[in-house]
């Protein structure tokens, strides 16, 4: 026999408990639902029902909906920037290789000692292939300056380089800040606080315009590598604080226990502290990854054209400039889909790792 105070189940019961539990809540729910439905219908009509899909400028001018012909006309410029049109298969192939390698790296079956070697060799081959395809100058490929890079490949490689190199540097800075040696601790803390107190756009300006003035005469570092280095140094400061927060979640007794067993400081960090700390800060790591992915749009201020910058190049065509909304929607979808996939994967990874940890504790 069901208890009279037991919670009722079913869709209608849940809706009543959550949305229609009082007259005021019912009115508010109906109003919000009406606004959402109206906005959704307007968006559907603009984006699909009344939209122009073919590359026809005259039809776009007469249409009441979106003009996706702009995307059809300019998608190559948006995705690949100023890279020569007839050679755009090279950045396209290079980007696909990187994405495929990211998918391979995400496979749990390769998270072992043998798989680590496979992943390391795969990334080495992928990065070599990426820069060979993008730069050329070998294997009969025409040479292309990094000044011509742009669009999605530039966004992907800046994010990849920025996160790959900033993570180990950030871990070292976090360990350095916790060091018992005052000089190392002070230098690490000073660097972290200095960089975190400066906006990324300032760091990019320094790397682009100030850094070349400090170099010896005749020595020139390519603008791409200066910007990439600036992103690495900037992200490392935030990664360091993220890792330090993760290290503080590990009970101090574990460190004392490991030291009492004769483990060195390096072994304590490598085998005891970091494995637990890095699992604890997976959401923060993903936030840093997405932040780095989005922040690459700031490179336009130093005359580099990432995905968003390439869209601005496409909007330089006066005939299609009126359809900027469609262009921004197209770029927004690319950013959203990429960010959504990364965030869903991070949630799955966190659940998998913490679930395995919970099972081990239960077995113990």
Protein backbone atom coordinates (compact mmCIF):
# COMPACT_ATOMS: atom_id res chain seq x y z
CA UNK A 1 0.00 0.00 0.00
CA UNK A 2 1.40 3.39 -1.05
CA UNK A 3 2.02 5.87 1.73
CA UNK A 4 -0.02 9.09 1.21
CA UNK A 5 3.08 11.29 1.64
CA UNK A 6 5.22 9.27 -0.78
CA UNK A 7 6.46 11.31 -3.76
CA UNK A 8 4.40 10.76 -6.90
CA UNK A 9 6.14 9.68 -10.08
CA UNK A 10 5.30 10.17 -13.71
CA UNK A 11 5.75 13.05 -16.11
CA UNK A 12 2.60 14.95 -15.12
CA UNK A 13 3.36 14.61 -11.42
CA UNK A 14 6.94 15.83 -11.91
CA UNK A 15 5.79 18.81 -13.99
CA UNK A 16 3.22 19.72 -11.36
CA UNK A 17 5.77 19.49 -8.54
CA UNK A 18 8.48 21.42 -10.38
CA UNK A 19 6.62 23.97 -12.52
CA UNK A 20 2.97 24.25 -11.42
CA UNK A 21 3.22 23.95 -7.65
CA UNK A 22 1.46 27.30 -7.13
CA UNK A 23 -0.67 29.75 -9.16
CA UNK A 24 2.25 32.17 -9.50
CA UNK A 25 4.60 29.43 -10.66
CA UNK A 26 2.02 28.23 -13.18
CA UNK A 27 1.59 31.73 -14.68
CA UNK A 28 5.35 32.26 -14.85
CA UNK A 29 5.88 28.84 -16.45
CA UNK A 30 3.24 29.53 -19.12
CA UNK A 31 4.69 32.99 -19.90
CA UNK A 32 8.25 31.67 -20.21
CA UNK A 33 7.07 28.75 -22.36
CA UNK A 34 5.19 31.15 -24.65
CA UNK A 35 8.25 33.41 -25.05
CA UNK A 36 10.52 30.42 -25.76
CA UNK A 37 8.08 28.97 -28.31
CA UNK A 38 7.65 32.33 -30.04
CA UNK A 39 11.42 32.95 -30.16
CA UNK A 40 11.98 29.38 -31.36
CA UNK A 41 9.42 29.74 -34.14
CA UNK A 42 10.92 33.07 -35.26
CA UNK A 43 14.41 31.52 -35.30
CA UNK A 44 13.18 28.47 -37.23
CA UNK A 45 11.41 30.65 -39.78
CA UNK A 46 14.46 32.88 -40.23
CA UNK A 47 17.07 30.11 -40.31
CA UNK A 48 15.21 27.42 -42.26
CA UNK A 49 11.75 28.13 -43.61
CA UNK A 50 12.38 31.56 -45.19
CA UNK A 51 16.12 31.11 -45.73
CA UNK A 52 18.00 31.16 -49.02
CA UNK A 53 20.40 28.24 -49.32
CA UNK A 54 21.85 28.74 -52.79
CA UNK A 55 24.68 31.11 -53.67
CA UNK A 56 22.40 33.75 -55.20
CA UNK A 57 23.01 37.33 -54.10
CA UNK A 58 19.83 38.68 -55.74
CA UNK A 59 17.66 36.03 -54.08
CA UNK A 60 19.26 36.86 -50.73
CA UNK A 61 18.37 40.52 -51.14
CA UNK A 62 14.71 39.67 -51.72
CA UNK A 63 14.44 37.00 -49.00
CA UNK A 64 13.03 37.67 -45.54
CA UNK A 65 15.11 34.94 -43.90
CA UNK A 66 18.74 34.02 -43.59
CA UNK A 67 21.11 34.02 -46.54
CA UNK A 68 23.21 30.89 -46.20
CA UNK A 69 24.55 31.63 -49.66
CA UNK A 70 27.10 33.85 -47.89
CA UNK A 71 28.49 30.80 -46.09
CA UNK A 72 28.45 28.83 -49.36
CA UNK A 73 30.38 31.62 -51.04
CA UNK A 74 32.89 32.36 -48.27
CA UNK A 75 33.31 29.12 -46.28
CA UNK A 76 36.79 28.43 -47.62
CA UNK A 77 37.97 31.92 -46.70
CA UNK A 78 36.40 31.56 -43.24
CA UNK A 79 37.93 28.13 -42.59
CA UNK A 80 41.38 28.67 -44.11
CA UNK A 81 41.94 32.43 -44.11
CA UNK A 82 44.48 33.81 -46.58
CA UNK A 83 46.05 30.43 -47.32
CA UNK A 84 46.30 30.12 -51.15
CA UNK A 85 43.00 28.86 -52.52
CA UNK A 86 44.43 26.10 -54.70
CA UNK A 87 46.50 24.74 -51.79
CA UNK A 88 43.80 24.70 -49.13
CA UNK A 89 43.71 20.90 -49.21
CA UNK A 90 46.92 21.06 -47.19
CA UNK A 91 45.56 22.90 -44.10
CA UNK A 92 42.36 20.84 -44.39
CA UNK A 93 44.32 17.57 -44.30
CA UNK A 94 46.58 18.84 -41.52
CA UNK A 95 43.60 19.80 -39.34
CA UNK A 96 41.88 16.44 -39.93
CA UNK A 97 45.06 14.61 -38.88
CA UNK A 98 45.20 16.56 -35.62
CA UNK A 99 41.51 15.93 -34.87
CA UNK A 100 41.90 12.20 -35.61
CA UNK A 101 44.92 12.02 -33.30
CA UNK A 102 42.92 13.74 -30.56
CA UNK A 103 40.23 11.07 -30.97
CA UNK A 104 42.84 8.31 -30.77
CA UNK A 105 44.34 9.86 -27.63
CA UNK A 106 40.89 9.89 -26.01
CA UNK A 107 40.52 6.09 -26.31
CA UNK A 108 40.80 4.51 -22.82
CA UNK A 109 42.27 1.33 -24.31
CA UNK A 110 45.51 3.19 -24.98
CA UNK A 111 45.92 4.53 -21.45
CA UNK A 112 48.69 2.13 -20.50
CA UNK A 113 52.46 1.97 -20.87
CA UNK A 114 52.37 0.46 -24.34
CA UNK A 115 49.58 2.75 -25.44
CA UNK A 116 51.50 5.77 -24.19
CA UNK A 117 54.33 4.93 -26.56
CA UNK A 118 51.85 4.58 -29.42
CA UNK A 119 50.26 7.93 -28.57
CA UNK A 120 53.66 9.65 -28.27
CA UNK A 121 54.81 8.31 -31.65
CA UNK A 122 51.44 9.17 -33.18
CA UNK A 123 51.62 12.76 -31.97
CA UNK A 124 55.20 13.14 -33.14
CA UNK A 125 54.21 11.93 -36.62
CA UNK A 126 51.04 14.07 -36.63
CA UNK A 127 52.81 17.27 -35.64
CA UNK A 128 55.56 16.69 -38.20
CA UNK A 129 52.94 16.06 -40.89
CA UNK A 130 50.98 19.15 -39.77
CA UNK A 131 53.89 21.55 -40.08
CA UNK A 132 55.15 19.91 -43.29
CA UNK A 133 51.75 20.37 -44.90
CA UNK A 134 51.26 23.89 -43.58
CA UNK A 135 54.77 25.21 -44.22
CA UNK A 136 55.76 23.20 -47.30
CA UNK A 137 59.22 23.62 -48.77
CA UNK A 138 59.82 19.84 -48.80
CA UNK A 139 58.54 16.85 -50.80
CA UNK A 140 57.69 19.14 -53.68
CA UNK A 141 55.27 21.25 -51.63
CA UNK A 142 55.46 24.98 -52.25
CA UNK A 143 56.62 27.04 -49.28
CA UNK A 144 53.92 29.01 -47.43
CA UNK A 145 54.78 31.58 -44.76
CA UNK A 146 53.05 31.41 -41.39
CA UNK A 147 51.79 34.92 -42.12
CA UNK A 148 49.35 33.26 -44.54
CA UNK A 149 48.00 30.83 -41.97
CA UNK A 150 44.51 31.49 -40.70
CA UNK A 151 41.06 30.16 -39.97
CA UNK A 152 40.39 26.86 -38.24
CA UNK A 153 43.92 25.39 -38.68
CA UNK A 154 45.45 28.39 -36.90
CA UNK A 155 42.90 28.17 -34.08
CA UNK A 156 43.54 24.43 -33.68
CA UNK A 157 47.34 24.62 -33.70
CA UNK A 158 47.50 27.59 -31.30
CA UNK A 159 45.19 25.77 -28.89
CA UNK A 160 47.15 22.53 -29.24
CA UNK A 161 50.55 24.14 -28.75
CA UNK A 162 49.28 26.41 -25.99
CA UNK A 163 47.76 23.63 -23.88
CA UNK A 164 50.36 20.93 -24.61
CA UNK A 165 53.30 23.06 -23.50
CA UNK A 166 51.56 25.03 -20.76
CA UNK A 167 50.46 21.95 -18.78
CA UNK A 168 53.96 20.64 -17.90
CA UNK A 169 55.20 24.19 -17.30
CA UNK A 170 52.18 24.89 -15.08
CA UNK A 171 52.80 21.70 -13.08
CA UNK A 172 56.41 22.74 -12.51
CA UNK A 173 55.30 26.21 -11.41
CA UNK A 174 52.74 24.73 -9.01
CA UNK A 175 55.36 22.43 -7.47
CA UNK A 176 57.80 25.32 -7.36
CA UNK A 177 55.34 27.53 -5.50
CA UNK A 178 54.94 24.78 -2.88
CA UNK A 179 58.71 24.33 -2.61
CA UNK A 180 60.41 24.69 0.76
CA UNK A 181 63.23 26.65 -0.92
CA UNK A 182 62.32 30.35 -0.54
CA UNK A 183 63.94 31.47 -3.81
CA UNK A 184 62.15 28.89 -5.97
CA UNK A 185 58.86 29.53 -4.19
CA UNK A 186 59.18 33.31 -4.54
CA UNK A 187 60.13 33.17 -8.24
CA UNK A 188 57.26 30.79 -9.05
CA UNK A 189 54.73 32.82 -7.07
CA UNK A 190 55.99 36.08 -8.59
CA UNK A 191 55.67 34.75 -12.13
CA UNK A 192 52.19 33.36 -11.53
CA UNK A 193 50.86 36.53 -9.93
CA UNK A 194 52.48 38.79 -12.52
CA UNK A 195 51.07 36.91 -15.52
CA UNK A 196 47.64 36.44 -13.93
CA UNK A 197 47.47 40.17 -13.33
CA UNK A 198 47.96 41.02 -17.02
CA UNK A 199 45.33 40.48 -19.75
CA UNK A 200 46.24 38.14 -22.63
CA UNK A 201 45.95 40.93 -25.17
CA UNK A 202 48.82 42.76 -23.41
CA UNK A 203 50.96 39.62 -23.47
CA UNK A 204 50.28 39.25 -27.21
CA UNK A 205 51.27 42.87 -27.83
CA UNK A 206 54.51 42.41 -25.91
CA UNK A 207 55.33 39.20 -27.78
CA UNK A 208 54.56 40.76 -31.16
CA UNK A 209 55.96 44.28 -30.88
CA UNK A 210 58.27 44.48 -27.85
CA UNK A 211 60.02 41.11 -27.94
CA UNK A 212 61.58 41.69 -31.42
CA UNK A 213 63.16 44.92 -30.14
CA UNK A 214 64.97 42.98 -27.42
CA UNK A 215 66.43 40.41 -29.81
CA UNK A 216 70.01 40.78 -31.09
CA UNK A 217 70.45 42.40 -34.48
CA UNK A 218 69.85 39.95 -37.31
CA UNK A 219 67.91 37.48 -35.14
CA UNK A 220 64.26 37.13 -36.07
CA UNK A 221 61.64 34.87 -34.51
CA UNK A 222 58.59 34.18 -36.64
CA UNK A 223 55.40 35.97 -35.49
CA UNK A 224 53.52 32.69 -35.18
CA UNK A 225 56.01 31.27 -32.69
CA UNK A 226 56.06 34.50 -30.69
CA UNK A 227 52.29 34.40 -30.36
CA UNK A 228 52.32 30.68 -29.54
CA UNK A 229 54.95 31.27 -26.85
CA UNK A 230 52.88 34.11 -25.39
CA UNK A 231 49.82 31.84 -25.14
CA UNK A 232 51.91 29.09 -23.52
CA UNK A 233 53.38 31.41 -20.89
CA UNK A 234 49.99 32.98 -20.19
CA UNK A 235 48.13 29.66 -19.86
CA UNK A 236 50.88 28.15 -17.70
CA UNK A 237 50.18 30.63 -14.90
CA UNK A 238 46.52 29.62 -14.75
CA UNK A 239 47.33 25.91 -15.06
CA UNK A 240 49.76 26.31 -12.16
CA UNK A 241 47.05 27.64 -9.85
CA UNK A 242 44.67 24.91 -11.00
CA UNK A 243 47.22 22.20 -10.22
CA UNK A 244 48.11 23.83 -6.89
CA UNK A 245 44.44 23.71 -5.94
CA UNK A 246 44.34 20.04 -6.86
CA UNK A 247 47.43 19.31 -4.77
CA UNK A 248 45.79 20.95 -1.76
CA UNK A 249 42.91 18.46 -1.96
CA UNK A 250 45.27 15.57 -1.22
CA UNK A 251 45.56 14.99 2.55
CA UNK A 252 48.96 15.92 3.96
CA UNK A 253 49.11 12.56 5.70
CA UNK A 254 49.64 10.85 2.36
CA UNK A 255 52.79 12.90 1.77
CA UNK A 256 54.12 12.08 5.22
CA UNK A 257 53.31 8.40 4.74
CA UNK A 258 55.07 8.29 1.37
CA UNK A 259 58.17 10.02 2.80
CA UNK A 260 58.23 7.62 5.74
CA UNK A 261 58.36 4.72 3.25
CA UNK A 262 61.56 6.14 1.80
CA UNK A 263 60.13 7.75 -1.36
CA UNK A 264 61.93 10.77 -2.70
CA UNK A 265 60.17 14.09 -3.31
CA UNK A 266 60.04 13.35 -7.04
CA UNK A 267 58.46 9.94 -6.41
CA UNK A 268 55.96 11.43 -3.96
CA UNK A 269 54.76 13.93 -6.55
CA UNK A 270 54.90 11.53 -9.49
CA UNK A 271 53.30 8.49 -7.84
CA UNK A 272 51.13 9.85 -5.02
CA UNK A 273 50.18 13.51 -5.26
CA UNK A 274 49.90 14.41 -8.95
CA UNK A 275 47.78 11.40 -10.02
CA UNK A 276 45.15 12.33 -7.44
CA UNK A 277 45.43 16.10 -7.94
CA UNK A 278 45.09 15.96 -11.72
CA UNK A 279 41.95 13.83 -11.50
CA UNK A 280 40.45 16.30 -9.04
CA UNK A 281 40.97 19.26 -11.37
CA UNK A 282 39.70 17.74 -14.63
CA UNK A 283 36.80 20.25 -14.84
CA UNK A 284 39.23 23.14 -14.30
CA UNK A 285 41.56 21.74 -16.97
CA UNK A 286 38.69 21.56 -19.44
CA UNK A 287 37.76 25.13 -18.56
CA UNK A 288 41.35 26.19 -19.34
CA UNK A 289 41.25 24.27 -22.62
CA UNK A 290 38.01 25.94 -23.69
CA UNK A 291 39.33 29.31 -22.56
CA UNK A 292 42.46 28.83 -24.65
CA UNK A 293 40.33 27.71 -27.62
CA UNK A 294 38.21 30.86 -27.38
CA UNK A 295 41.06 33.25 -26.55
CA UNK A 296 42.82 32.49 -29.83
CA UNK A 297 40.39 34.99 -31.37
CA UNK A 298 42.47 37.75 -29.73
CA UNK A 299 45.35 37.13 -32.14
CA UNK A 300 43.50 39.30 -34.66
CA UNK A 301 44.78 42.36 -32.78
CA UNK A 302 48.32 41.41 -33.81
CA UNK A 303 47.40 40.84 -37.48
CA UNK A 304 46.84 37.09 -37.33
CA UNK A 305 43.53 35.73 -38.54
CA UNK A 306 42.07 32.80 -36.65
CA UNK A 307 38.55 31.52 -37.32
CA UNK A 308 36.87 34.71 -36.17
CA UNK A 309 39.47 36.89 -37.86
CA UNK A 310 38.98 35.04 -41.15
CA UNK A 311 35.26 35.77 -40.90
CA UNK A 312 36.11 39.46 -40.71
CA UNK A 313 38.17 39.03 -43.88
CA UNK A 314 35.17 37.44 -45.57
CA UNK A 315 32.97 40.35 -44.49
CA UNK A 316 35.34 42.69 -46.30
CA UNK A 317 33.40 41.90 -49.48
CA UNK A 318 30.92 44.78 -49.70
CA UNK A 319 28.36 42.70 -51.64
CA UNK A 320 28.00 40.17 -48.83
CA UNK A 321 28.67 42.41 -45.83
CA UNK A 322 24.97 42.71 -44.98
CA UNK A 323 24.83 39.01 -44.13
CA UNK A 324 27.28 39.13 -41.24
CA UNK A 325 24.76 37.48 -38.89
CA UNK A 326 24.84 34.27 -40.94
CA UNK A 327 28.62 34.28 -40.83
CA UNK A 328 28.73 34.69 -37.08
CA UNK A 329 26.13 31.93 -36.67
CA UNK A 330 28.30 29.62 -38.77
CA UNK A 331 31.40 30.35 -36.69
CA UNK A 332 29.38 30.10 -33.47
CA UNK A 333 28.24 26.61 -34.44
CA UNK A 334 31.84 25.53 -34.97
CA UNK A 335 32.86 26.86 -31.56
CA UNK A 336 29.76 25.44 -29.86
CA UNK A 337 30.03 21.94 -31.33
CA UNK A 338 33.74 21.76 -30.48
CA UNK A 339 33.21 23.04 -26.94
CA UNK A 340 30.18 20.79 -26.37
CA UNK A 341 32.09 17.66 -27.42
CA UNK A 342 35.04 18.55 -25.19
CA UNK A 343 32.81 19.28 -22.19
CA UNK A 344 30.80 16.04 -22.61
CA UNK A 345 34.01 14.05 -22.88
CA UNK A 346 35.42 15.68 -19.76
CA UNK A 347 32.29 14.75 -17.79
CA UNK A 348 32.55 11.16 -18.99
CA UNK A 349 36.27 11.05 -18.17
CA UNK A 350 35.73 12.50 -14.70
CA UNK A 351 32.94 9.98 -13.99
CA UNK A 352 35.10 7.12 -15.26
CA UNK A 353 38.13 8.05 -13.18
CA UNK A 354 36.28 8.93 -10.00
CA UNK A 355 34.03 5.89 -10.42
CA UNK A 356 37.05 3.63 -10.66
CA UNK A 357 38.52 5.28 -7.57
CA UNK A 358 35.24 4.76 -5.66
CA UNK A 359 35.14 1.07 -6.62
CA UNK A 360 38.71 0.57 -5.44
CA UNK A 361 37.86 2.13 -2.07
CA UNK A 362 34.75 -0.06 -1.82
CA UNK A 363 36.79 -3.20 -2.58
CA UNK A 364 39.33 -2.21 0.04
